[in-house]
Amino acid sequence: MNFGQAISTCFKKYATFTGRASRPEYWWFVLFQVLVSLASSMLGEVANGLVMLGLLLPGLAVGARRLHDIGKSAWFLLLGLIPLIGWIVLIIWACQKSDPGSNAFGPPASETPLIDGSPGAV
């Protein structure tokens, strides 16, 4: 999955908290969020706030799907509310390899078709 495919997938599944997301899908979207945040910060606080608000739901959704990919509940995203330690745990989990085959949250992202029928990840 390349950068464009990951961004497209995340916006197509912007409110989908079920299923799984591959590592490339997650990390490409994180990079996109950082780049957009940097660019929008030059437009002022209000514009940056609106842009970040617009990226909040897709970011949470892909984070939930990424945790599902390693067999964890999306509720573990709440660890991000714990300063430093929570973020370290989430980063370590986000870097882990996907569970091979199906898990409690469904088949791997590479086997899950998108709305247009193309695979969700490579």
PDB file of N, CA and C in Angstrom:
ATOM      1  N   MET A   1       0.849  -1.168   0.000  1.00  0.00           N
ATOM      2  CA  MET A   1       0.000   0.000   0.000  1.00  0.00           C
ATOM      3  C   MET A   1       0.892   1.228   0.000  1.00  0.00           C
ATOM      4  N   ASN A   2       0.618   2.143  -0.923  1.00  0.00           N
ATOM      5  CA  ASN A   2       1.405   3.368  -0.980  1.00  0.00           C
ATOM      6  C   ASN A   2       0.669   4.504  -0.259  1.00  0.00           C
ATOM      7  N   PHE A   3       1.292   5.674  -0.249  1.00  0.00           N
ATOM      8  CA  PHE A   3       0.761   6.831   0.468  1.00  0.00           C
ATOM      9  C   PHE A   3      -0.653   7.186   0.004  1.00  0.00           C
ATOM     10  N   GLY A   4      -0.840   7.309  -1.290  1.00  0.00           N
ATOM     11  CA  GLY A   4      -2.146   7.685  -1.836  1.00  0.00           C
ATOM     12  C   GLY A   4      -3.233   6.671  -1.529  1.00  0.00           C
ATOM     13  N   GLN A   5      -2.901   5.401  -1.653  1.00  0.00           N
ATOM     14  CA  GLN A   5      -3.880   4.348  -1.351  1.00  0.00           C
ATOM     15  C   GLN A   5      -4.279   4.380   0.125  1.00  0.00           C
ATOM     16  N   ALA A   6      -3.304   4.613   0.989  1.00  0.00           N
ATOM     17  CA  ALA A   6      -3.587   4.644   2.428  1.00  0.00           C
ATOM     18  C   ALA A   6      -4.514   5.802   2.778  1.00  0.00           C
ATOM     19  N   ILE A   7      -4.244   6.976   2.212  1.00  0.00           N
ATOM     20  CA  ILE A   7      -5.079   8.143   2.503  1.00  0.00           C
ATOM     21  C   ILE A   7      -6.483   7.911   1.969  1.00  0.00           C
ATOM     22  N   SER A   8      -6.565   7.387   0.753  1.00  0.00           N
ATOM     23  CA  SER A   8      -7.865   7.093   0.148  1.00  0.00           C
ATOM     24  C   SER A   8      -8.646   6.089   0.994  1.00  0.00           C
ATOM     25  N   THR A   9      -7.979   5.036   1.426  1.00  0.00           N
ATOM     26  CA  THR A   9      -8.627   4.016   2.252  1.00  0.00           C
ATOM     27  C   THR A   9      -9.128   4.608   3.562  1.00  0.00           C
ATOM     28  N   CYS A  10      -8.302   5.421   4.196  1.00  0.00           N
ATOM     29  CA  CYS A  10      -8.696   5.992   5.486  1.00  0.00           C
ATOM     30  C   CYS A  10      -9.894   6.922   5.352  1.00  0.00           C
ATOM     31  N   PHE A  11      -9.960   7.686   4.261  1.00  0.00           N
ATOM     32  CA  PHE A  11     -11.107   8.571   4.093  1.00  0.00           C
ATOM     33  C   PHE A  11     -12.353   7.818   3.639  1.00  0.00           C
ATOM     34  N   LYS A  12     -12.178   6.724   2.910  1.00  0.00           N
ATOM     35  CA  LYS A  12     -13.341   5.901   2.554  1.00  0.00           C
ATOM     36  C   LYS A  12     -13.911   5.216   3.789  1.00  0.00           C
ATOM     37  N   LYS A  13     -13.028   4.898   4.735  1.00  0.00           N
ATOM     38  CA  LYS A  13     -13.448   4.225   5.970  1.00  0.00           C
ATOM     39  C   LYS A  13     -13.351   5.192   7.154  1.00  0.00           C
ATOM     40  N   TYR A  14     -13.645   6.479   6.913  1.00  0.00           N
ATOM     41  CA  TYR A  14     -13.403   7.509   7.923  1.00  0.00           C
ATOM     42  C   TYR A  14     -14.153   7.287   9.237  1.00  0.00           C
ATOM     43  N   ALA A  15     -15.269   6.589   9.206  1.00  0.00           N
ATOM     44  CA  ALA A  15     -16.035   6.336  10.431  1.00  0.00           C
ATOM     45  C   ALA A  15     -16.226   4.841  10.670  1.00  0.00           C
ATOM     46  N   THR A  16     -15.349   4.031  10.095  1.00  0.00           N
ATOM     47  CA  THR A  16     -15.440   2.579  10.251  1.00  0.00           C
ATOM     48  C   THR A  16     -14.500   2.140  11.370  1.00  0.00           C
ATOM     49  N   PHE A  17     -15.097   1.763  12.479  1.00  0.00           N
ATOM     50  CA  PHE A  17     -14.316   1.344  13.636  1.00  0.00           C
ATOM     51  C   PHE A  17     -14.255  -0.176  13.748  1.00  0.00           C
ATOM     52  N   THR A  18     -14.747  -0.866  12.737  1.00  0.00           N
ATOM     53  CA  THR A  18     -14.690  -2.326  12.704  1.00  0.00           C
ATOM     54  C   THR A  18     -13.691  -2.748  11.644  1.00  0.00           C
ATOM     55  N   GLY A  19     -13.230  -3.972  11.725  1.00  0.00           N
ATOM     56  CA  GLY A  19     -12.263  -4.463  10.750  1.00  0.00           C
ATOM     57  C   GLY A  19     -10.845  -4.178  11.189  1.00  0.00           C
ATOM     58  N   ARG A  20      -9.935  -4.261  10.231  1.00  0.00           N
ATOM     59  CA  ARG A  20      -8.516  -4.161  10.532  1.00  0.00           C
ATOM     60  C   ARG A  20      -7.822  -3.207   9.573  1.00  0.00           C
ATOM     61  N   ALA A  21      -6.710  -2.613  10.023  1.00  0.00           N
ATOM     62  CA  ALA A  21      -5.889  -1.728   9.200  1.00  0.00           C
ATOM     63  C   ALA A  21      -4.440  -2.205   9.284  1.00  0.00           C
ATOM     64  N   SER A  22      -3.788  -2.287   8.150  1.00  0.00           N
ATOM     65  CA  SER A  22      -2.392  -2.733   8.109  1.00  0.00           C
ATOM     66  C   SER A  22      -1.466  -1.643   8.653  1.00  0.00           C
ATOM     67  N   ARG A  23      -0.230  -2.032   8.935  1.00  0.00           N
ATOM     68  CA  ARG A  23       0.759  -1.050   9.388  1.00  0.00           C
ATOM     69  C   ARG A  23       0.955   0.065   8.376  1.00  0.00           C
ATOM     70  N   PRO A  24       1.138  -0.266   7.069  1.00  0.00           N
ATOM     71  CA  PRO A  24       1.331   0.838   6.117  1.00  0.00           C
ATOM     72  C   PRO A  24       0.143   1.797   6.076  1.00  0.00           C
ATOM     73  N   GLU A  25      -1.060   1.250   6.105  1.00  0.00           N
ATOM     74  CA  GLU A  25      -2.242   2.117   6.085  1.00  0.00           C
ATOM     75  C   GLU A  25      -2.207   3.072   7.274  1.00  0.00           C
ATOM     76  N   TYR A  26      -1.933   2.575   8.442  1.00  0.00           N
ATOM     77  CA  TYR A  26      -1.911   3.394   9.655  1.00  0.00           C
ATOM     78  C   TYR A  26      -0.800   4.444   9.607  1.00  0.00           C
ATOM     79  N   TRP A  27       0.425   4.003   9.325  1.00  0.00           N
ATOM     80  CA  TRP A  27       1.556   4.931   9.399  1.00  0.00           C
ATOM     81  C   TRP A  27       1.549   5.958   8.275  1.00  0.00           C
ATOM     82  N   TRP A  28       1.065   5.589   7.084  1.00  0.00           N
ATOM     83  CA  TRP A  28       0.935   6.588   6.021  1.00  0.00           C
ATOM     84  C   TRP A  28      -0.090   7.655   6.438  1.00  0.00           C
ATOM     85  N   PHE A  29      -1.168   7.243   7.091  1.00  0.00           N
ATOM     86  CA  PHE A  29      -2.166   8.225   7.520  1.00  0.00           C
ATOM     87  C   PHE A  29      -1.616   9.102   8.643  1.00  0.00           C
ATOM     88  N   VAL A  30      -0.820   8.549   9.531  1.00  0.00           N
ATOM     89  CA  VAL A  30      -0.182   9.358  10.576  1.00  0.00           C
ATOM     90  C   VAL A  30       0.723  10.408   9.931  1.00  0.00           C
ATOM     91  N   LEU A  31       1.514  10.006   8.936  1.00  0.00           N
ATOM     92  CA  LEU A  31       2.365  10.964   8.227  1.00  0.00           C
ATOM     93  C   LEU A  31       1.518  12.052   7.571  1.00  0.00           C
ATOM     94  N   PHE A  32       0.424  11.665   6.934  1.00  0.00           N
ATOM     95  CA  PHE A  32      -0.491  12.625   6.314  1.00  0.00           C
ATOM     96  C   PHE A  32      -1.008  13.622   7.352  1.00  0.00           C
ATOM     97  N   GLN A  33      -1.403  13.127   8.518  1.00  0.00           N
ATOM     98  CA  GLN A  33      -1.901  14.009   9.571  1.00  0.00           C
ATOM     99  C   GLN A  33      -0.827  15.002  10.020  1.00  0.00           C
ATOM    100  N   VAL A  34       0.401  14.541  10.156  1.00  0.00           N
ATOM    101  CA  VAL A  34       1.493  15.424  10.572  1.00  0.00           C
ATOM    102  C   VAL A  34       1.739  16.492   9.515  1.00  0.00           C
ATOM    103  N   LEU A  35       1.804  16.094   8.241  1.00  0.00           N
ATOM    104  CA  LEU A  35       2.052  17.055   7.165  1.00  0.00           C
ATOM    105  C   LEU A  35       0.926  18.074   7.051  1.00  0.00           C
ATOM    106  N   VAL A  36      -0.308  17.612   7.133  1.00  0.00           N
ATOM    107  CA  VAL A  36      -1.456  18.524   7.054  1.00  0.00           C
ATOM    108  C   VAL A  36      -1.475  19.450   8.265  1.00  0.00           C
ATOM    109  N   SER A  37      -1.127  18.937   9.422  1.00  0.00           N
ATOM    110  CA  SER A  37      -1.080  19.760  10.625  1.00  0.00           C
ATOM    111  C   SER A  37      -0.027  20.859  10.502  1.00  0.00           C
ATOM    112  N   LEU A  38       1.138  20.496   9.991  1.00  0.00           N
ATOM    113  CA  LEU A  38       2.189  21.498   9.799  1.00  0.00           C
ATOM    114  C   LEU A  38       1.759  22.569   8.804  1.00  0.00           C
ATOM    115  N   ALA A  39       1.157  22.144   7.708  1.00  0.00           N
ATOM    116  CA  ALA A  39       0.709  23.099   6.690  1.00  0.00           C
ATOM    117  C   ALA A  39      -0.411  23.987   7.225  1.00  0.00           C
ATOM    118  N   SER A  40      -1.367  23.407   7.922  1.00  0.00           N
ATOM    119  CA  SER A  40      -2.503  24.199   8.406  1.00  0.00           C
ATOM    120  C   SER A  40      -2.118  25.111   9.568  1.00  0.00           C
ATOM    121  N   SER A  41      -1.044  24.791  10.269  1.00  0.00           N
ATOM    122  CA  SER A  41      -0.615  25.656  11.370  1.00  0.00           C
ATOM    123  C   SER A  41      -0.149  27.014  10.859  1.00  0.00           C
ATOM    124  N   MET A  42       0.233  27.073   9.596  1.00  0.00           N
ATOM    125  CA  MET A  42       0.640  28.347   8.996  1.00  0.00           C
ATOM    126  C   MET A  42      -0.560  29.222   8.638  1.00  0.00           C
ATOM    127  N   LEU A  43      -1.749  28.650   8.647  1.00  0.00           N
ATOM    128  CA  LEU A  43      -2.960  29.383   8.283  1.00  0.00           C
ATOM    129  C   LEU A  43      -3.606  30.061   9.482  1.00  0.00           C
ATOM    130  N   GLY A  44      -3.141  29.769  10.659  1.00  0.00           N
ATOM    131  CA  GLY A  44      -3.705  30.364  11.864  1.00  0.00           C
ATOM    132  C   GLY A  44      -4.320  29.314  12.764  1.00  0.00           C
ATOM    133  N   GLU A  45      -4.597  29.735  13.982  1.00  0.00           N
ATOM    134  CA  GLU A  45      -5.099  28.796  14.984  1.00  0.00           C
ATOM    135  C   GLU A  45      -6.478  28.249  14.649  1.00  0.00           C
ATOM    136  N   VAL A  46      -7.361  29.114  14.168  1.00  0.00           N
ATOM    137  CA  VAL A  46      -8.725  28.667  13.866  1.00  0.00           C
ATOM    138  C   VAL A  46      -8.717  27.662  12.722  1.00  0.00           C
ATOM    139  N   ALA A  47      -7.987  27.982  11.656  1.00  0.00           N
ATOM    140  CA  ALA A  47      -7.913  27.072  10.507  1.00  0.00           C
ATOM    141  C   ALA A  47      -7.280  25.744  10.912  1.00  0.00           C
ATOM    142  N   ASN A  48      -6.211  25.811  11.687  1.00  0.00           N
ATOM    143  CA  ASN A  48      -5.549  24.585  12.139  1.00  0.00           C
ATOM    144  C   ASN A  48      -6.498  23.765  13.011  1.00  0.00           C
ATOM    145  N   GLY A  49      -7.227  24.420  13.883  1.00  0.00           N
ATOM    146  CA  GLY A  49      -8.183  23.713  14.732  1.00  0.00           C
ATOM    147  C   GLY A  49      -9.262  23.013  13.926  1.00  0.00           C
ATOM    148  N   LEU A  50      -9.767  23.679  12.891  1.00  0.00           N
ATOM    149  CA  LEU A  50     -10.797  23.075  12.043  1.00  0.00           C
ATOM    150  C   LEU A  50     -10.253  21.881  11.263  1.00  0.00           C
ATOM    151  N   VAL A  51      -9.032  22.015  10.756  1.00  0.00           N
ATOM    152  CA  VAL A  51      -8.411  20.913  10.012  1.00  0.00           C
ATOM    153  C   VAL A  51      -8.190  19.720  10.934  1.00  0.00           C
ATOM    154  N   MET A  52      -7.671  19.973  12.127  1.00  0.00           N
ATOM    155  CA  MET A  52      -7.413  18.873  13.063  1.00  0.00           C
ATOM    156  C   MET A  52      -8.724  18.224  13.515  1.00  0.00           C
ATOM    157  N   LEU A  53      -9.762  19.025  13.665  1.00  0.00           N
ATOM    158  CA  LEU A  53     -11.073  18.474  14.014  1.00  0.00           C
ATOM    159  C   LEU A  53     -11.586  17.570  12.893  1.00  0.00           C
ATOM    160  N   GLY A  54     -11.328  17.979  11.642  1.00  0.00           N
ATOM    161  CA  GLY A  54     -11.731  17.167  10.499  1.00  0.00           C
ATOM    162  C   GLY A  54     -10.962  15.862  10.384  1.00  0.00           C
ATOM    163  N   LEU A  55      -9.740  15.831  10.886  1.00  0.00           N
ATOM    164  CA  LEU A  55      -8.922  14.618  10.825  1.00  0.00           C
ATOM    165  C   LEU A  55      -9.085  13.734  12.065  1.00  0.00           C
ATOM    166  N   LEU A  56      -9.798  14.224  13.061  1.00  0.00           N
ATOM    167  CA  LEU A  56      -9.940  13.476  14.308  1.00  0.00           C
ATOM    168  C   LEU A  56     -10.657  12.141  14.113  1.00  0.00           C
ATOM    169  N   LEU A  57     -11.817  12.156  13.490  1.00  0.00           N
ATOM    170  CA  LEU A  57     -12.592  10.925  13.328  1.00  0.00           C
ATOM    171  C   LEU A  57     -11.868   9.888  12.468  1.00  0.00           C
ATOM    172  N   PRO A  58     -11.332  10.272  11.281  1.00  0.00           N
ATOM    173  CA  PRO A  58     -10.595   9.258  10.513  1.00  0.00           C
ATOM    174  C   PRO A  58      -9.356   8.747  11.254  1.00  0.00           C
ATOM    175  N   GLY A  59      -8.702   9.615  12.027  1.00  0.00           N
ATOM    176  CA  GLY A  59      -7.535   9.191  12.793  1.00  0.00           C
ATOM    177  C   GLY A  59      -7.885   8.194  13.885  1.00  0.00           C
ATOM    178  N   LEU A  60      -8.986   8.452  14.579  1.00  0.00           N
ATOM    179  CA  LEU A  60      -9.436   7.504  15.603  1.00  0.00           C
ATOM    180  C   LEU A  60      -9.864   6.185  14.975  1.00  0.00           C
ATOM    181  N   ALA A  61     -10.541   6.272  13.829  1.00  0.00           N
ATOM    182  CA  ALA A  61     -11.017   5.050  13.163  1.00  0.00           C
ATOM    183  C   ALA A  61      -9.854   4.174  12.714  1.00  0.00           C
ATOM    184  N   VAL A  62      -8.840   4.777  12.064  1.00  0.00           N
ATOM    185  CA  VAL A  62      -7.711   3.965  11.604  1.00  0.00           C
ATOM    186  C   VAL A  62      -6.908   3.449  12.800  1.00  0.00           C
ATOM    187  N   GLY A  63      -6.855   4.217  13.885  1.00  0.00           N
ATOM    188  CA  GLY A  63      -6.193   3.744  15.098  1.00  0.00           C
ATOM    189  C   GLY A  63      -6.905   2.534  15.694  1.00  0.00           C
ATOM    190  N   ALA A  64      -8.229   2.592  15.709  1.00  0.00           N
ATOM    191  CA  ALA A  64      -9.016   1.458  16.215  1.00  0.00           C
ATOM    192  C   ALA A  64      -8.806   0.232  15.343  1.00  0.00           C
ATOM    193  N   ARG A  65      -8.827   0.428  14.023  1.00  0.00           N
ATOM    194  CA  ARG A  65      -8.630  -0.712  13.116  1.00  0.00           C
ATOM    195  C   ARG A  65      -7.220  -1.265  13.232  1.00  0.00           C
ATOM    196  N   ARG A  66      -6.236  -0.399  13.490  1.00  0.00           N
ATOM    197  CA  ARG A  66      -4.854  -0.867  13.661  1.00  0.00           C
ATOM    198  C   ARG A  66      -4.740  -1.732  14.914  1.00  0.00           C
ATOM    199  N   LEU A  67      -5.374  -1.308  16.000  1.00  0.00           N
ATOM    200  CA  LEU A  67      -5.357  -2.126  17.211  1.00  0.00           C
ATOM    201  C   LEU A  67      -6.067  -3.451  16.973  1.00  0.00           C
ATOM    202  N   HIS A  68      -7.155  -3.428  16.227  1.00  0.00           N
ATOM    203  CA  HIS A  68      -7.847  -4.677  15.889  1.00  0.00           C
ATOM    204  C   HIS A  68      -6.921  -5.613  15.118  1.00  0.00           C
ATOM    205  N   ASP A  69      -6.055  -5.046  14.285  1.00  0.00           N
ATOM    206  CA  ASP A  69      -5.166  -5.853  13.455  1.00  0.00           C
ATOM    207  C   ASP A  69      -4.179  -6.672  14.283  1.00  0.00           C
ATOM    208  N   ILE A  70      -3.883  -6.192  15.491  1.00  0.00           N
ATOM    209  CA  ILE A  70      -2.969  -6.948  16.361  1.00  0.00           C
ATOM    210  C   ILE A  70      -3.732  -7.646  17.485  1.00  0.00           C
ATOM    211  N   GLY A  71      -5.056  -7.704  17.353  1.00  0.00           N
ATOM    212  CA  GLY A  71      -5.861  -8.446  18.312  1.00  0.00           C
ATOM    213  C   GLY A  71      -6.231  -7.688  19.575  1.00  0.00           C
ATOM    214  N   LYS A  72      -6.113  -6.370  19.560  1.00  0.00           N
ATOM    215  CA  LYS A  72      -6.443  -5.554  20.735  1.00  0.00           C
ATOM    216  C   LYS A  72      -7.768  -4.828  20.509  1.00  0.00           C
ATOM    217  N   SER A  73      -8.450  -4.526  21.588  1.00  0.00           N
ATOM    218  CA  SER A  73      -9.694  -3.769  21.525  1.00  0.00           C
ATOM    219  C   SER A  73      -9.399  -2.300  21.224  1.00  0.00           C
ATOM    220  N   ALA A  74     -10.319  -1.647  20.530  1.00  0.00           N
ATOM    221  CA  ALA A  74     -10.168  -0.220  20.232  1.00  0.00           C
ATOM    222  C   ALA A  74     -10.208   0.624  21.503  1.00  0.00           C
ATOM    223  N   TRP A  75     -10.750   0.085  22.566  1.00  0.00           N
ATOM    224  CA  TRP A  75     -10.792   0.817  23.828  1.00  0.00           C
ATOM    225  C   TRP A  75      -9.387   1.151  24.334  1.00  0.00           C
ATOM    226  N   PHE A  76      -8.394   0.411  23.879  1.00  0.00           N
ATOM    227  CA  PHE A  76      -7.020   0.704  24.289  1.00  0.00           C
ATOM    228  C   PHE A  76      -6.535   2.045  23.751  1.00  0.00           C
ATOM    229  N   LEU A  77      -7.259   2.655  22.809  1.00  0.00           N
ATOM    230  CA  LEU A  77      -6.908   4.007  22.365  1.00  0.00           C
ATOM    231  C   LEU A  77      -6.959   4.990  23.533  1.00  0.00           C
ATOM    232  N   LEU A  78      -7.745   4.665  24.541  1.00  0.00           N
ATOM    233  CA  LEU A  78      -7.832   5.531  25.721  1.00  0.00           C
ATOM    234  C   LEU A  78      -6.511   5.604  26.486  1.00  0.00           C
ATOM    235  N   LEU A  79      -5.597   4.680  26.218  1.00  0.00           N
ATOM    236  CA  LEU A  79      -4.262   4.763  26.832  1.00  0.00           C
ATOM    237  C   LEU A  79      -3.559   6.055  26.439  1.00  0.00           C
ATOM    238  N   GLY A  80      -3.937   6.611  25.292  1.00  0.00           N
ATOM    239  CA  GLY A  80      -3.355   7.874  24.851  1.00  0.00           C
ATOM    240  C   GLY A  80      -3.628   9.022  25.808  1.00  0.00           C
ATOM    241  N   LEU A  81      -4.593   8.854  26.694  1.00  0.00           N
ATOM    242  CA  LEU A  81      -4.894   9.880  27.686  1.00  0.00           C
ATOM    243  C   LEU A  81      -3.912   9.860  28.855  1.00  0.00           C
ATOM    244  N   ILE A  82      -3.118   8.801  28.953  1.00  0.00           N
ATOM    245  CA  ILE A  82      -2.101   8.706  30.004  1.00  0.00           C
ATOM    246  C   ILE A  82      -0.815   9.315  29.445  1.00  0.00           C
ATOM    247  N   PRO A  83      -0.348  10.409  30.042  1.00  0.00           N
ATOM    248  CA  PRO A  83       0.842  11.075  29.503  1.00  0.00           C
ATOM    249  C   PRO A  83       2.044  10.134  29.394  1.00  0.00           C
ATOM    250  N   LEU A  84       2.747  10.250  28.321  1.00  0.00           N
ATOM    251  CA  LEU A  84       3.983   9.552  27.985  1.00  0.00           C
ATOM    252  C   LEU A  84       3.849   8.033  27.920  1.00  0.00           C
ATOM    253  N   ILE A  85       3.557   7.382  29.022  1.00  0.00           N
ATOM    254  CA  ILE A  85       3.502   5.919  29.056  1.00  0.00           C
ATOM    255  C   ILE A  85       2.444   5.387  28.098  1.00  0.00           C
ATOM    256  N   GLY A  86       1.275   5.988  28.112  1.00  0.00           N
ATOM    257  CA  GLY A  86       0.197   5.549  27.226  1.00  0.00           C
ATOM    258  C   GLY A  86       0.580   5.652  25.764  1.00  0.00           C
ATOM    259  N   TRP A  87       1.223   6.757  25.392  1.00  0.00           N
ATOM    260  CA  TRP A  87       1.631   6.934  23.990  1.00  0.00           C
ATOM    261  C   TRP A  87       2.734   5.962  23.604  1.00  0.00           C
ATOM    262  N   ILE A  88       3.648   5.698  24.521  1.00  0.00           N
ATOM    263  CA  ILE A  88       4.717   4.734  24.223  1.00  0.00           C
ATOM    264  C   ILE A  88       4.119   3.353  23.956  1.00  0.00           C
ATOM    265  N   VAL A  89       3.178   2.940  24.788  1.00  0.00           N
ATOM    266  CA  VAL A  89       2.527   1.635  24.597  1.00  0.00           C
ATOM    267  C   VAL A  89       1.816   1.594  23.250  1.00  0.00           C
ATOM    268  N   LEU A  90       1.062   2.649  22.915  1.00  0.00           N
ATOM    269  CA  LEU A  90       0.330   2.679  21.642  1.00  0.00           C
ATOM    270  C   LEU A  90       1.274   2.651  20.437  1.00  0.00           C
ATOM    271  N   ILE A  91       2.390   3.359  20.528  1.00  0.00           N
ATOM    272  CA  ILE A  91       3.360   3.362  19.422  1.00  0.00           C
ATOM    273  C   ILE A  91       3.966   1.971  19.245  1.00  0.00           C
ATOM    274  N   ILE A  92       4.317   1.329  20.348  1.00  0.00           N
ATOM    275  CA  ILE A  92       4.874  -0.029  20.266  1.00  0.00           C
ATOM    276  C   ILE A  92       3.865  -0.970  19.627  1.00  0.00           C
ATOM    277  N   TRP A  93       2.615  -0.891  20.051  1.00  0.00           N
ATOM    278  CA  TRP A  93       1.578  -1.752  19.474  1.00  0.00           C
ATOM    279  C   TRP A  93       1.360  -1.447  18.000  1.00  0.00           C
ATOM    280  N   ALA A  94       1.384  -0.166  17.630  1.00  0.00           N
ATOM    281  CA  ALA A  94       1.155   0.206  16.228  1.00  0.00           C
ATOM    282  C   ALA A  94       2.282  -0.300  15.324  1.00  0.00           C
ATOM    283  N   CYS A  95       3.456  -0.522  15.897  1.00  0.00           N
ATOM    284  CA  CYS A  95       4.598  -1.022  15.120  1.00  0.00           C
ATOM    285  C   CYS A  95       4.609  -2.543  14.989  1.00  0.00           C
ATOM    286  N   GLN A  96       3.796  -3.228  15.761  1.00  0.00           N
ATOM    287  CA  GLN A  96       3.791  -4.692  15.724  1.00  0.00           C
ATOM    288  C   GLN A  96       3.248  -5.214  14.401  1.00  0.00           C
ATOM    289  N   LYS A  97       3.718  -6.412  14.050  1.00  0.00           N
ATOM    290  CA  LYS A  97       3.210  -7.078  12.849  1.00  0.00           C
ATOM    291  C   LYS A  97       1.754  -7.466  13.056  1.00  0.00           C
ATOM    292  N   SER A  98       1.048  -7.541  11.951  1.00  0.00           N
ATOM    293  CA  SER A  98      -0.359  -7.943  11.976  1.00  0.00           C
ATOM    294  C   SER A  98      -0.496  -9.389  12.424  1.00  0.00           C
ATOM    295  N   ASP A  99      -1.632  -9.696  13.054  1.00  0.00           N
ATOM    296  CA  ASP A  99      -1.946 -11.095  13.352  1.00  0.00           C
ATOM    297  C   ASP A  99      -2.114 -11.836  12.029  1.00  0.00           C
ATOM    298  N   PRO A 100      -1.446 -12.971  11.866  1.00  0.00           N
ATOM    299  CA  PRO A 100      -1.633 -13.724  10.617  1.00  0.00           C
ATOM    300  C   PRO A 100      -3.030 -14.344  10.583  1.00  0.00           C
ATOM    301  N   GLY A 101      -3.647 -14.309   9.452  1.00  0.00           N
ATOM    302  CA  GLY A 101      -4.983 -14.890   9.319  1.00  0.00           C
ATOM    303  C   GLY A 101      -6.033 -14.073  10.046  1.00  0.00           C
ATOM    304  N   SER A 102      -7.216 -14.635  10.121  1.00  0.00           N
ATOM    305  CA  SER A 102      -8.326 -13.951  10.784  1.00  0.00           C
ATOM    306  C   SER A 102      -8.135 -13.949  12.294  1.00  0.00           C
ATOM    307  N   ASN A 103      -8.628 -12.894  12.924  1.00  0.00           N
ATOM    308  CA  ASN A 103      -8.680 -12.853  14.381  1.00  0.00           C
ATOM    309  C   ASN A 103     -10.101 -12.459  14.777  1.00  0.00           C
ATOM    310  N   ALA A 104     -10.326 -12.095  16.012  1.00  0.00           N
ATOM    311  CA  ALA A 104     -11.673 -11.774  16.493  1.00  0.00           C
ATOM    312  C   ALA A 104     -12.290 -10.579  15.765  1.00  0.00           C
ATOM    313  N   PHE A 105     -11.456  -9.788  15.088  1.00  0.00           N
ATOM    314  CA  PHE A 105     -11.932  -8.579  14.427  1.00  0.00           C
ATOM    315  C   PHE A 105     -12.063  -8.733  12.920  1.00  0.00           C
ATOM    316  N   GLY A 106     -11.850  -9.936  12.420  1.00  0.00           N
ATOM    317  CA  GLY A 106     -12.048 -10.196  11.000  1.00  0.00           C
ATOM    318  C   GLY A 106     -10.781 -10.628  10.290  1.00  0.00           C
ATOM    319  N   PRO A 107     -10.864 -10.714   8.961  1.00  0.00           N
ATOM    320  CA  PRO A 107      -9.703 -11.118   8.171  1.00  0.00           C
ATOM    321  C   PRO A 107      -8.692  -9.976   8.077  1.00  0.00           C
ATOM    322  N   PRO A 108      -7.452 -10.284   7.694  1.00  0.00           N
ATOM    323  CA  PRO A 108      -6.449  -9.230   7.519  1.00  0.00           C
ATOM    324  C   PRO A 108      -6.926  -8.177   6.528  1.00  0.00           C
ATOM    325  N   ALA A 109      -6.400  -6.969   6.664  1.00  0.00           N
ATOM    326  CA  ALA A 109      -6.808  -5.854   5.807  1.00  0.00           C
ATOM    327  C   ALA A 109      -6.598  -6.169   4.334  1.00  0.00           C
ATOM    328  N   SER A 110      -5.594  -6.963   4.002  1.00  0.00           N
ATOM    329  CA  SER A 110      -5.318  -7.284   2.600  1.00  0.00           C
ATOM    330  C   SER A 110      -6.416  -8.134   1.985  1.00  0.00           C
ATOM    331  N   GLU A 111      -7.238  -8.781   2.818  1.00  0.00           N
ATOM    332  CA  GLU A 111      -8.322  -9.619   2.314  1.00  0.00           C
ATOM    333  C   GLU A 111      -9.675  -8.919   2.387  1.00  0.00           C
ATOM    334  N   THR A 112      -9.704  -7.697   2.916  1.00  0.00           N
ATOM    335  CA  THR A 112     -10.958  -6.974   3.089  1.00  0.00           C
ATOM    336  C   THR A 112     -11.158  -6.015   1.924  1.00  0.00           C
ATOM    337  N   PRO A 113     -12.195  -6.213   1.103  1.00  0.00           N
ATOM    338  CA  PRO A 113     -12.409  -5.299  -0.015  1.00  0.00           C
ATOM    339  C   PRO A 113     -12.949  -3.954   0.449  1.00  0.00           C
ATOM    340  N   LEU A 114     -12.554  -2.904  -0.274  1.00  0.00           N
ATOM    341  CA  LEU A 114     -13.117  -1.585  -0.044  1.00  0.00           C
ATOM    342  C   LEU A 114     -14.451  -1.491  -0.758  1.00  0.00           C
ATOM    343  N   ILE A 115     -15.065  -0.352  -0.684  1.00  0.00           N
ATOM    344  CA  ILE A 115     -16.358  -0.139  -1.326  1.00  0.00           C
ATOM    345  C   ILE A 115     -16.274  -0.378  -2.830  1.00  0.00           C
ATOM    346  N   ASP A 116     -15.166   0.048  -3.442  1.00  0.00           N
ATOM    347  CA  ASP A 116     -15.038  -0.094  -4.898  1.00  0.00           C
ATOM    348  C   ASP A 116     -14.555  -1.482  -5.318  1.00  0.00           C
ATOM    349  N   GLY A 117     -14.330  -2.387  -4.361  1.00  0.00           N
ATOM    350  CA  GLY A 117     -13.943  -3.756  -4.676  1.00  0.00           C
ATOM    351  C   GLY A 117     -12.452  -4.010  -4.675  1.00  0.00           C
ATOM    352  N   SER A 118     -11.628  -2.959  -4.562  1.00  0.00           N
ATOM    353  CA  SER A 118     -10.185  -3.176  -4.528  1.00  0.00           C
ATOM    354  C   SER A 118      -9.788  -3.626  -3.126  1.00  0.00           C
ATOM    355  N   PRO A 119      -8.648  -4.319  -2.994  1.00  0.00           N
ATOM    356  CA  PRO A 119      -8.243  -4.794  -1.673  1.00  0.00           C
ATOM    357  C   PRO A 119      -7.934  -3.631  -0.740  1.00  0.00           C
ATOM    358  N   GLY A 120      -8.130  -3.855   0.563  1.00  0.00           N
ATOM    359  CA  GLY A 120      -7.908  -2.820   1.558  1.00  0.00           C
ATOM    360  C   GLY A 120      -6.444  -2.513   1.800  1.00  0.00           C
ATOM    361  N   ALA A 121      -5.560  -3.431   1.582  1.00  0.00           N
ATOM    362  CA  ALA A 121      -4.126  -3.230   1.776  1.00  0.00           C
ATOM    363  C   ALA A 121      -3.382  -4.306   1.011  1.00  0.00           C
ATOM    364  N   VAL A 122      -2.111  -4.073   0.830  1.00  0.00           N
ATOM    365  CA  VAL A 122      -1.287  -5.059   0.135  1.00  0.00           C
ATOM    366  C   VAL A 122      -0.363  -5.705   1.130  1.00  0.00           C
TER     367      VAL A 122
END
